[in-house]
Amino acid sequence: MLDEVVEVLACPHCGLDLGRSGNSLRCSSNHVFDFARQGYVSLLSGRSKVVGDTAEMVAARAGFLEAGHYDPIADAVAEAVTAGGPVVDIGAGTGFYLARALGDRLGVALDVSKYACRRAAKAHPRMGAAVADAWQPLPVRTGVAGTVLNVFAPRNAPEMRRILRPGGELVVVIPNSGHLTGLVDHLGLLNVDDAKQTRLADQLAGHFDALDRRTVEFPLDLTHAEAREAVAMGPSAWHTTPEALDAKIAALPSPVSATASVTLARYRRTT
């Protein structure tokens, strides 16, 4: 992890600045956090109640994203990141979207899954990864981020606002109710309800001012293996078994036709 990235981080216990100490990070209160051999660091302040993605889910996501199926979303995210300064991705997963958006900026990938952080730590040379819970105080210094990313991830509005500098921007991607039509209906997956947009507005009210939003929608033609990855990488993976999923997918035509549909919205931190 670059020293410049370390300068963005804060102790999850006391909020003090972190500095490098050998193969560890340490604050002036002597809280110490060791780097894993894969290059990430765990900055959880205690045991998280959130269950992170499993190794199997992360592997499925990496395969699906690396095949380019969600490149239109990644391109839209990269276009939306225009502010200078470090970019912090909350719920970053493998770091796919953050790596595409960075350019020459610094990046911090935060995710509660250590398996995701293992991949994110190697996703871009100017990016570091830390295990963190989005619902706990974020291990990031106050007012340091130029942009916060939140792609298919939980939103802790007060913390996202805290870590942004004045004038900093939040880029959010959420699925629309028609997301993955063609898979959801045939495989009995979790639906995205129509009230998701309203909940997003309610969550951010008082912390962020809306700038603009756009719909990103495009067709997908997936092999059976790719369709399985699309399911296995998301929340529906918790509600089925591999055997049941394989049986349902085997009954589908090949390729499987589906539609990706998301909303990308930009916000500015309230003053």
C-alpha atoms as a PDB file:
ATOM      1  CA  MET A   1       0.000   0.000   0.000  1.00  0.00           C
ATOM      2  CA  LEU A   2       1.380   3.388  -1.003  1.00  0.00           C
ATOM      3  CA  ASP A   3       2.285   5.805   1.799  1.00  0.00           C
ATOM      4  CA  GLU A   4       0.021   8.346   0.074  1.00  0.00           C
ATOM      5  CA  VAL A   5      -2.902   5.966   0.522  1.00  0.00           C
ATOM      6  CA  VAL A   6      -2.013   5.413   4.183  1.00  0.00           C
ATOM      7  CA  GLU A   7      -2.315   9.182   4.661  1.00  0.00           C
ATOM      8  CA  VAL A   8      -6.013   8.912   3.758  1.00  0.00           C
ATOM      9  CA  LEU A   9      -6.748   6.332   6.474  1.00  0.00           C
ATOM     10  CA  ALA A  10      -7.684   6.768  10.121  1.00  0.00           C
ATOM     11  CA  CYS A  11      -7.721   4.486  13.149  1.00  0.00           C
ATOM     12  CA  PRO A  12     -11.122   2.763  13.430  1.00  0.00           C
ATOM     13  CA  HIS A  13     -10.915   2.799  17.243  1.00  0.00           C
ATOM     14  CA  CYS A  14     -10.017   6.416  18.030  1.00  0.00           C
ATOM     15  CA  GLY A  15     -10.104   8.217  14.683  1.00  0.00           C
ATOM     16  CA  LEU A  16      -6.475   9.355  14.889  1.00  0.00           C
ATOM     17  CA  ASP A  17      -4.207   9.409  11.860  1.00  0.00           C
ATOM     18  CA  LEU A  18      -2.463   6.188  10.912  1.00  0.00           C
ATOM     19  CA  GLY A  19       1.171   5.836   9.917  1.00  0.00           C
ATOM     20  CA  ARG A  20       3.262   2.969   8.638  1.00  0.00           C
ATOM     21  CA  SER A  21       5.254   0.962  11.185  1.00  0.00           C
ATOM     22  CA  GLY A  22       7.065  -1.889   9.493  1.00  0.00           C
ATOM     23  CA  ASN A  23       4.418  -4.227   8.067  1.00  0.00           C
ATOM     24  CA  SER A  24       1.713  -2.588  10.140  1.00  0.00           C
ATOM     25  CA  LEU A  25      -0.255   0.602  10.517  1.00  0.00           C
ATOM     26  CA  ARG A  26      -0.189   2.343  13.897  1.00  0.00           C
ATOM     27  CA  CYS A  27      -1.842   5.413  15.436  1.00  0.00           C
ATOM     28  CA  SER A  28      -0.445   7.559  18.235  1.00  0.00           C
ATOM     29  CA  SER A  29      -2.682   5.690  20.731  1.00  0.00           C
ATOM     30  CA  ASN A  30      -0.763   2.516  19.777  1.00  0.00           C
ATOM     31  CA  HIS A  31      -3.593   0.740  18.007  1.00  0.00           C
ATOM     32  CA  VAL A  32      -1.829  -1.548  15.532  1.00  0.00           C
ATOM     33  CA  PHE A  33      -3.149  -3.146  12.337  1.00  0.00           C
ATOM     34  CA  ASP A  34      -1.062  -5.686  10.437  1.00  0.00           C
ATOM     35  CA  PHE A  35      -1.032  -5.983   6.668  1.00  0.00           C
ATOM     36  CA  ALA A  36      -2.149  -9.326   5.281  1.00  0.00           C
ATOM     37  CA  ARG A  37       0.286 -11.001   2.926  1.00  0.00           C
ATOM     38  CA  GLN A  38      -2.099 -10.186   0.042  1.00  0.00           C
ATOM     39  CA  GLY A  39      -1.525  -6.457   0.676  1.00  0.00           C
ATOM     40  CA  TYR A  40      -4.750  -5.345   2.356  1.00  0.00           C
ATOM     41  CA  VAL A  41      -5.260  -4.359   6.000  1.00  0.00           C
ATOM     42  CA  SER A  42      -8.208  -5.021   8.301  1.00  0.00           C
ATOM     43  CA  LEU A  43      -9.510  -1.814   9.892  1.00  0.00           C
ATOM     44  CA  LEU A  44     -12.617  -3.174  11.562  1.00  0.00           C
ATOM     45  CA  SER A  45     -13.264  -1.563  14.933  1.00  0.00           C
ATOM     46  CA  GLY A  46     -14.791  -4.753  16.289  1.00  0.00           C
ATOM     47  CA  ARG A  47     -16.693  -7.786  15.180  1.00  0.00           C
ATOM     48  CA  SER A  48     -18.983  -6.823  12.321  1.00  0.00           C
ATOM     49  CA  LYS A  49     -22.611  -7.941  12.231  1.00  0.00           C
ATOM     50  CA  VAL A  50     -22.453  -7.813   8.438  1.00  0.00           C
ATOM     51  CA  VAL A  51     -21.659 -11.049   6.631  1.00  0.00           C
ATOM     52  CA  GLY A  52     -19.264 -10.270   3.807  1.00  0.00           C
ATOM     53  CA  ASP A  53     -19.179 -11.942   0.434  1.00  0.00           C
ATOM     54  CA  THR A  54     -17.708 -15.419   0.428  1.00  0.00           C
ATOM     55  CA  ALA A  55     -14.689 -16.498  -1.596  1.00  0.00           C
ATOM     56  CA  GLU A  56     -17.067 -18.163  -4.078  1.00  0.00           C
ATOM     57  CA  MET A  57     -19.158 -15.010  -4.498  1.00  0.00           C
ATOM     58  CA  VAL A  58     -16.074 -12.866  -5.020  1.00  0.00           C
ATOM     59  CA  ALA A  59     -14.652 -15.312  -7.580  1.00  0.00           C
ATOM     60  CA  ALA A  60     -17.957 -15.262  -9.478  1.00  0.00           C
ATOM     61  CA  ARG A  61     -17.993 -11.450  -9.469  1.00  0.00           C
ATOM     62  CA  ALA A  62     -14.397 -11.236 -10.646  1.00  0.00           C
ATOM     63  CA  GLY A  63     -15.060 -13.604 -13.535  1.00  0.00           C
ATOM     64  CA  PHE A  64     -18.249 -11.823 -14.595  1.00  0.00           C
ATOM     65  CA  LEU A  65     -16.782  -8.320 -14.430  1.00  0.00           C
ATOM     66  CA  GLU A  66     -13.494  -9.223 -16.055  1.00  0.00           C
ATOM     67  CA  ALA A  67     -15.437 -10.653 -19.001  1.00  0.00           C
ATOM     68  CA  GLY A  68     -16.698  -7.118 -19.653  1.00  0.00           C
ATOM     69  CA  HIS A  69     -20.420  -7.664 -19.074  1.00  0.00           C
ATOM     70  CA  TYR A  70     -20.756  -4.556 -16.894  1.00  0.00           C
ATOM     71  CA  ASP A  71     -18.295  -2.373 -18.786  1.00  0.00           C
ATOM     72  CA  PRO A  72     -21.040   0.165 -19.666  1.00  0.00           C
ATOM     73  CA  ILE A  73     -21.612   0.685 -15.934  1.00  0.00           C
ATOM     74  CA  ALA A  74     -17.885   0.994 -15.251  1.00  0.00           C
ATOM     75  CA  ASP A  75     -17.522   3.491 -18.107  1.00  0.00           C
ATOM     76  CA  ALA A  76     -20.404   5.588 -16.730  1.00  0.00           C
ATOM     77  CA  VAL A  77     -18.839   5.564 -13.251  1.00  0.00           C
ATOM     78  CA  ALA A  78     -15.469   6.646 -14.647  1.00  0.00           C
ATOM     79  CA  GLU A  79     -17.119   9.504 -16.574  1.00  0.00           C
ATOM     80  CA  ALA A  80     -18.933  10.636 -13.418  1.00  0.00           C
ATOM     81  CA  VAL A  81     -15.748  10.950 -11.341  1.00  0.00           C
ATOM     82  CA  THR A  82     -14.526  14.421 -12.246  1.00  0.00           C
ATOM     83  CA  ALA A  83     -13.405  15.878  -8.905  1.00  0.00           C
ATOM     84  CA  GLY A  84      -9.768  15.885  -7.889  1.00  0.00           C
ATOM     85  CA  GLY A  85      -8.426  14.244  -4.761  1.00  0.00           C
ATOM     86  CA  PRO A  86      -8.612  10.690  -3.416  1.00  0.00           C
ATOM     87  CA  VAL A  87     -11.512   8.429  -4.365  1.00  0.00           C
ATOM     88  CA  VAL A  88     -12.968   6.227  -1.622  1.00  0.00           C
ATOM     89  CA  ASP A  89     -15.150   3.298  -2.704  1.00  0.00           C
ATOM     90  CA  ILE A  90     -17.457   1.992   0.020  1.00  0.00           C
ATOM     91  CA  GLY A  91     -18.452  -1.602  -0.612  1.00  0.00           C
ATOM     92  CA  ALA A  92     -15.809  -1.775  -3.323  1.00  0.00           C
ATOM     93  CA  GLY A  93     -15.865  -5.521  -3.868  1.00  0.00           C
ATOM     94  CA  THR A  94     -12.973  -6.521  -6.103  1.00  0.00           C
ATOM     95  CA  GLY A  95     -12.124  -2.869  -6.814  1.00  0.00           C
ATOM     96  CA  PHE A  96     -13.283  -3.163 -10.427  1.00  0.00           C
ATOM     97  CA  TYR A  97     -15.220   0.118 -10.604  1.00  0.00           C
ATOM     98  CA  LEU A  98     -12.726   2.078  -8.523  1.00  0.00           C
ATOM     99  CA  ALA A  99      -9.787   0.963 -10.660  1.00  0.00           C
ATOM    100  CA  ARG A 100     -11.584   2.076 -13.812  1.00  0.00           C
ATOM    101  CA  ALA A 101     -12.378   5.495 -12.330  1.00  0.00           C
ATOM    102  CA  LEU A 102      -9.026   6.399 -10.762  1.00  0.00           C
ATOM    103  CA  GLY A 103      -6.804   7.694 -13.529  1.00  0.00           C
ATOM    104  CA  ASP A 104      -3.863   9.229 -11.627  1.00  0.00           C
ATOM    105  CA  ARG A 105      -5.868   9.770  -8.419  1.00  0.00           C
ATOM    106  CA  LEU A 106      -5.386   7.808  -5.214  1.00  0.00           C
ATOM    107  CA  GLY A 107      -7.979   5.179  -4.381  1.00  0.00           C
ATOM    108  CA  VAL A 108      -9.154   3.456  -1.197  1.00  0.00           C
ATOM    109  CA  ALA A 109     -11.294   0.338  -1.510  1.00  0.00           C
ATOM    110  CA  LEU A 110     -13.326  -0.505   1.596  1.00  0.00           C
ATOM    111  CA  ASP A 111     -15.230  -3.776   1.889  1.00  0.00           C
ATOM    112  CA  VAL A 112     -16.305  -6.011   4.745  1.00  0.00           C
ATOM    113  CA  SER A 113     -15.182  -9.121   2.836  1.00  0.00           C
ATOM    114  CA  LYS A 114     -11.529 -10.046   3.203  1.00  0.00           C
ATOM    115  CA  TYR A 115     -11.833 -12.091   0.008  1.00  0.00           C
ATOM    116  CA  ALA A 116     -12.882  -8.977  -1.888  1.00  0.00           C
ATOM    117  CA  CYS A 117     -10.059  -6.946  -0.345  1.00  0.00           C
ATOM    118  CA  ARG A 118      -7.510  -9.517  -1.438  1.00  0.00           C
ATOM    119  CA  ARG A 119      -8.409  -8.763  -5.040  1.00  0.00           C
ATOM    120  CA  ALA A 120      -8.944  -5.029  -4.587  1.00  0.00           C
ATOM    121  CA  ALA A 121      -5.455  -4.618  -3.114  1.00  0.00           C
ATOM    122  CA  LYS A 122      -4.018  -5.631  -6.498  1.00  0.00           C
ATOM    123  CA  ALA A 123      -6.573  -3.966  -8.776  1.00  0.00           C
ATOM    124  CA  HIS A 124      -4.640  -0.719  -9.404  1.00  0.00           C
ATOM    125  CA  PRO A 125      -1.123   0.496  -8.501  1.00  0.00           C
ATOM    126  CA  ARG A 126      -2.488   3.683  -6.866  1.00  0.00           C
ATOM    127  CA  MET A 127      -5.112   1.917  -4.801  1.00  0.00           C
ATOM    128  CA  GLY A 128      -5.142   0.379  -1.343  1.00  0.00           C
ATOM    129  CA  ALA A 129      -7.712  -1.914   0.249  1.00  0.00           C
ATOM    130  CA  ALA A 130      -8.992  -2.230   3.803  1.00  0.00           C
ATOM    131  CA  VAL A 131     -11.577  -4.430   5.457  1.00  0.00           C
ATOM    132  CA  ALA A 132     -14.219  -2.125   6.931  1.00  0.00           C
ATOM    133  CA  ASP A 133     -17.911  -2.166   7.792  1.00  0.00           C
ATOM    134  CA  ALA A 134     -19.963   0.518   6.028  1.00  0.00           C
ATOM    135  CA  TRP A 135     -22.245   0.802   9.074  1.00  0.00           C
ATOM    136  CA  GLN A 136     -19.398   1.531  11.490  1.00  0.00           C
ATOM    137  CA  PRO A 137     -17.321   4.739  11.523  1.00  0.00           C
ATOM    138  CA  LEU A 138     -15.266   4.563   8.348  1.00  0.00           C
ATOM    139  CA  PRO A 139     -11.469   4.285   8.806  1.00  0.00           C
ATOM    140  CA  VAL A 140     -10.900   7.374   6.680  1.00  0.00           C
ATOM    141  CA  ARG A 141      -9.777  10.844   7.760  1.00  0.00           C
ATOM    142  CA  THR A 142     -12.383  13.585   7.899  1.00  0.00           C
ATOM    143  CA  GLY A 143     -12.683  15.770   4.789  1.00  0.00           C
ATOM    144  CA  VAL A 144     -10.006  13.989   2.782  1.00  0.00           C
ATOM    145  CA  ALA A 145     -11.911  12.424  -0.141  1.00  0.00           C
ATOM    146  CA  GLY A 146     -12.646  14.234  -3.361  1.00  0.00           C
ATOM    147  CA  THR A 147     -15.139  11.567  -4.444  1.00  0.00           C
ATOM    148  CA  VAL A 148     -16.947   8.721  -2.717  1.00  0.00           C
ATOM    149  CA  LEU A 149     -18.153   5.801  -4.825  1.00  0.00           C
ATOM    150  CA  ASN A 150     -21.058   3.601  -3.797  1.00  0.00           C
ATOM    151  CA  VAL A 151     -21.848   0.943  -6.399  1.00  0.00           C
ATOM    152  CA  PHE A 152     -24.440  -1.710  -5.477  1.00  0.00           C
ATOM    153  CA  ALA A 153     -23.460  -1.186  -1.840  1.00  0.00           C
ATOM    154  CA  PRO A 154     -24.821  -0.021   1.550  1.00  0.00           C
ATOM    155  CA  ARG A 155     -25.010   3.738   2.160  1.00  0.00           C
ATOM    156  CA  ASN A 156     -24.061   5.334   5.480  1.00  0.00           C
ATOM    157  CA  ALA A 157     -24.847   8.941   4.562  1.00  0.00           C
ATOM    158  CA  PRO A 158     -23.388  10.710   7.637  1.00  0.00           C
ATOM    159  CA  GLU A 159     -20.077   8.885   7.293  1.00  0.00           C
ATOM    160  CA  MET A 160     -19.899   9.393   3.546  1.00  0.00           C
ATOM    161  CA  ARG A 161     -20.453  13.113   4.072  1.00  0.00           C
ATOM    162  CA  ARG A 162     -17.865  13.252   6.880  1.00  0.00           C
ATOM    163  CA  ILE A 163     -15.022  11.870   4.793  1.00  0.00           C
ATOM    164  CA  LEU A 164     -15.727  14.136   1.810  1.00  0.00           C
ATOM    165  CA  ARG A 165     -13.995  17.487   1.493  1.00  0.00           C
ATOM    166  CA  PRO A 166     -16.146  20.614   0.965  1.00  0.00           C
ATOM    167  CA  GLY A 167     -17.507  20.442  -2.570  1.00  0.00           C
ATOM    168  CA  GLY A 168     -16.754  16.720  -2.726  1.00  0.00           C
ATOM    169  CA  GLU A 169     -19.024  14.456  -4.730  1.00  0.00           C
ATOM    170  CA  LEU A 170     -20.806  11.157  -4.167  1.00  0.00           C
ATOM    171  CA  VAL A 171     -21.410   8.803  -7.108  1.00  0.00           C
ATOM    172  CA  VAL A 172     -24.076   6.165  -6.455  1.00  0.00           C
ATOM    173  CA  VAL A 173     -25.158   3.235  -8.617  1.00  0.00           C
ATOM    174  CA  ILE A 174     -28.328   1.337  -7.730  1.00  0.00           C
ATOM    175  CA  PRO A 175     -30.213  -1.327  -9.691  1.00  0.00           C
ATOM    176  CA  ASN A 176     -33.544  -0.437 -11.255  1.00  0.00           C
ATOM    177  CA  SER A 177     -36.614  -2.614 -10.893  1.00  0.00           C
ATOM    178  CA  GLY A 178     -35.934  -4.123 -14.322  1.00  0.00           C
ATOM    179  CA  HIS A 179     -32.322  -5.043 -13.576  1.00  0.00           C
ATOM    180  CA  LEU A 180     -31.423  -8.533 -14.829  1.00  0.00           C
ATOM    181  CA  THR A 181     -34.820  -9.077 -16.372  1.00  0.00           C
ATOM    182  CA  GLY A 182     -34.512 -12.413 -18.136  1.00  0.00           C
ATOM    183  CA  LEU A 183     -32.735 -13.948 -15.167  1.00  0.00           C
ATOM    184  CA  VAL A 184     -34.858 -12.727 -12.266  1.00  0.00           C
ATOM    185  CA  ASP A 185     -38.122 -13.925 -13.756  1.00  0.00           C
ATOM    186  CA  HIS A 186     -36.877 -17.313 -14.973  1.00  0.00           C
ATOM    187  CA  LEU A 187     -34.740 -18.180 -11.949  1.00  0.00           C
ATOM    188  CA  GLY A 188     -36.889 -16.769  -9.151  1.00  0.00           C
ATOM    189  CA  LEU A 189     -34.220 -14.303  -7.989  1.00  0.00           C
ATOM    190  CA  LEU A 190     -34.671 -11.397  -5.585  1.00  0.00           C
ATOM    191  CA  ASN A 191     -36.528  -8.495  -7.150  1.00  0.00           C
ATOM    192  CA  VAL A 192     -35.540  -4.834  -6.909  1.00  0.00           C
ATOM    193  CA  ASP A 193     -38.604  -3.023  -5.610  1.00  0.00           C
ATOM    194  CA  ASP A 194     -39.918   0.194  -7.126  1.00  0.00           C
ATOM    195  CA  ALA A 195     -39.334   2.166  -3.910  1.00  0.00           C
ATOM    196  CA  LYS A 196     -35.527   1.901  -4.078  1.00  0.00           C
ATOM    197  CA  GLN A 197     -35.148   5.352  -5.653  1.00  0.00           C
ATOM    198  CA  THR A 198     -37.282   6.907  -2.916  1.00  0.00           C
ATOM    199  CA  ARG A 199     -35.257   5.218  -0.189  1.00  0.00           C
ATOM    200  CA  LEU A 200     -32.035   6.503  -1.740  1.00  0.00           C
ATOM    201  CA  ALA A 201     -33.358  10.079  -1.678  1.00  0.00           C
ATOM    202  CA  ASP A 202     -34.485   9.683   1.925  1.00  0.00           C
ATOM    203  CA  GLN A 203     -31.116   8.251   3.017  1.00  0.00           C
ATOM    204  CA  LEU A 204     -29.135  11.122   1.521  1.00  0.00           C
ATOM    205  CA  ALA A 205     -31.461  13.993   2.420  1.00  0.00           C
ATOM    206  CA  GLY A 206     -29.749  16.622   4.549  1.00  0.00           C
ATOM    207  CA  HIS A 207     -26.292  15.252   3.768  1.00  0.00           C
ATOM    208  CA  PHE A 208     -26.079  15.611  -0.011  1.00  0.00           C
ATOM    209  CA  ASP A 209     -27.562  17.758  -2.749  1.00  0.00           C
ATOM    210  CA  ALA A 210     -28.561  16.023  -5.976  1.00  0.00           C
ATOM    211  CA  LEU A 211     -26.634  17.053  -9.101  1.00  0.00           C
ATOM    212  CA  ASP A 212     -27.805  14.726 -11.874  1.00  0.00           C
ATOM    213  CA  ARG A 213     -28.792  11.163 -12.654  1.00  0.00           C
ATOM    214  CA  ARG A 214     -28.894   8.895 -15.665  1.00  0.00           C
ATOM    215  CA  THR A 215     -30.139   5.448 -16.571  1.00  0.00           C
ATOM    216  CA  VAL A 216     -27.596   2.959 -17.874  1.00  0.00           C
ATOM    217  CA  GLU A 217     -29.378   0.094 -19.616  1.00  0.00           C
ATOM    218  CA  PHE A 218     -28.062  -2.491 -22.055  1.00  0.00           C
ATOM    219  CA  PRO A 219     -28.679  -6.089 -23.201  1.00  0.00           C
ATOM    220  CA  LEU A 220     -26.755  -9.099 -21.986  1.00  0.00           C
ATOM    221  CA  ASP A 221     -26.276 -12.377 -23.833  1.00  0.00           C
ATOM    222  CA  LEU A 222     -24.873 -14.881 -21.376  1.00  0.00           C
ATOM    223  CA  THR A 223     -23.712 -18.449 -21.531  1.00  0.00           C
ATOM    224  CA  HIS A 224     -25.060 -20.734 -18.836  1.00  0.00           C
ATOM    225  CA  ALA A 225     -21.781 -20.381 -16.934  1.00  0.00           C
ATOM    226  CA  GLU A 226     -21.960 -16.584 -17.135  1.00  0.00           C
ATOM    227  CA  ALA A 227     -25.596 -16.588 -16.022  1.00  0.00           C
ATOM    228  CA  ARG A 228     -24.559 -18.648 -13.022  1.00  0.00           C
ATOM    229  CA  GLU A 229     -21.839 -16.092 -12.194  1.00  0.00           C
ATOM    230  CA  ALA A 230     -24.366 -13.250 -12.447  1.00  0.00           C
ATOM    231  CA  VAL A 231     -26.487 -14.935  -9.799  1.00  0.00           C
ATOM    232  CA  ALA A 232     -23.645 -16.266  -7.642  1.00  0.00           C
ATOM    233  CA  MET A 233     -21.990 -12.846  -7.273  1.00  0.00           C
ATOM    234  CA  GLY A 234     -25.061 -11.089  -5.837  1.00  0.00           C
ATOM    235  CA  PRO A 235     -27.469 -11.268  -2.890  1.00  0.00           C
ATOM    236  CA  SER A 236     -29.562 -13.984  -4.535  1.00  0.00           C
ATOM    237  CA  ALA A 237     -26.644 -16.345  -3.884  1.00  0.00           C
ATOM    238  CA  TRP A 238     -27.664 -16.398  -0.204  1.00  0.00           C
ATOM    239  CA  HIS A 239     -31.139 -17.675  -1.108  1.00  0.00           C
ATOM    240  CA  THR A 240     -30.410 -20.705  -3.262  1.00  0.00           C
ATOM    241  CA  THR A 241     -28.112 -23.702  -3.452  1.00  0.00           C
ATOM    242  CA  PRO A 242     -25.638 -24.391  -6.269  1.00  0.00           C
ATOM    243  CA  GLU A 243     -27.538 -27.545  -7.173  1.00  0.00           C
ATOM    244  CA  ALA A 244     -30.906 -25.785  -7.398  1.00  0.00           C
ATOM    245  CA  LEU A 245     -29.405 -22.913  -9.373  1.00  0.00           C
ATOM    246  CA  ASP A 246     -27.675 -25.227 -11.849  1.00  0.00           C
ATOM    247  CA  ALA A 247     -30.900 -27.128 -12.449  1.00  0.00           C
ATOM    248  CA  LYS A 248     -32.829 -23.933 -13.228  1.00  0.00           C
ATOM    249  CA  ILE A 249     -30.108 -22.549 -15.493  1.00  0.00           C
ATOM    250  CA  ALA A 250     -29.858 -25.828 -17.414  1.00  0.00           C
ATOM    251  CA  ALA A 251     -33.502 -25.393 -18.421  1.00  0.00           C
ATOM    252  CA  LEU A 252     -32.829 -21.973 -20.000  1.00  0.00           C
ATOM    253  CA  PRO A 253     -31.937 -21.395 -23.657  1.00  0.00           C
ATOM    254  CA  SER A 254     -28.329 -20.592 -24.496  1.00  0.00           C
ATOM    255  CA  PRO A 255     -27.374 -17.830 -24.740  1.00  0.00           C
ATOM    256  CA  VAL A 256     -29.528 -16.424 -21.957  1.00  0.00           C
ATOM    257  CA  SER A 257     -30.909 -13.001 -22.888  1.00  0.00           C
ATOM    258  CA  ALA A 258     -31.146 -10.514 -20.025  1.00  0.00           C
ATOM    259  CA  THR A 259     -31.167  -6.754 -19.467  1.00  0.00           C
ATOM    260  CA  ALA A 260     -28.923  -4.749 -17.165  1.00  0.00           C
ATOM    261  CA  SER A 261     -30.610  -1.578 -15.881  1.00  0.00           C
ATOM    262  CA  VAL A 262     -29.169   0.756 -13.242  1.00  0.00           C
ATOM    263  CA  THR A 263     -29.398   4.378 -12.169  1.00  0.00           C
ATOM    264  CA  LEU A 264     -26.196   6.375 -11.724  1.00  0.00           C
ATOM    265  CA  ALA A 265     -26.661   9.508  -9.625  1.00  0.00           C
ATOM    266  CA  ARG A 266     -24.218  12.243  -8.600  1.00  0.00           C
ATOM    267  CA  TYR A 267     -24.487  14.305  -5.441  1.00  0.00           C
ATOM    268  CA  ARG A 268     -22.496  17.084  -3.813  1.00  0.00           C
ATOM    269  CA  ARG A 269     -21.779  17.231  -0.109  1.00  0.00           C
ATOM    270  CA  THR A 270     -23.943  19.790   1.651  1.00  0.00           C
ATOM    271  CA  THR A 271     -22.058  22.755   3.087  1.00  0.00           C
END
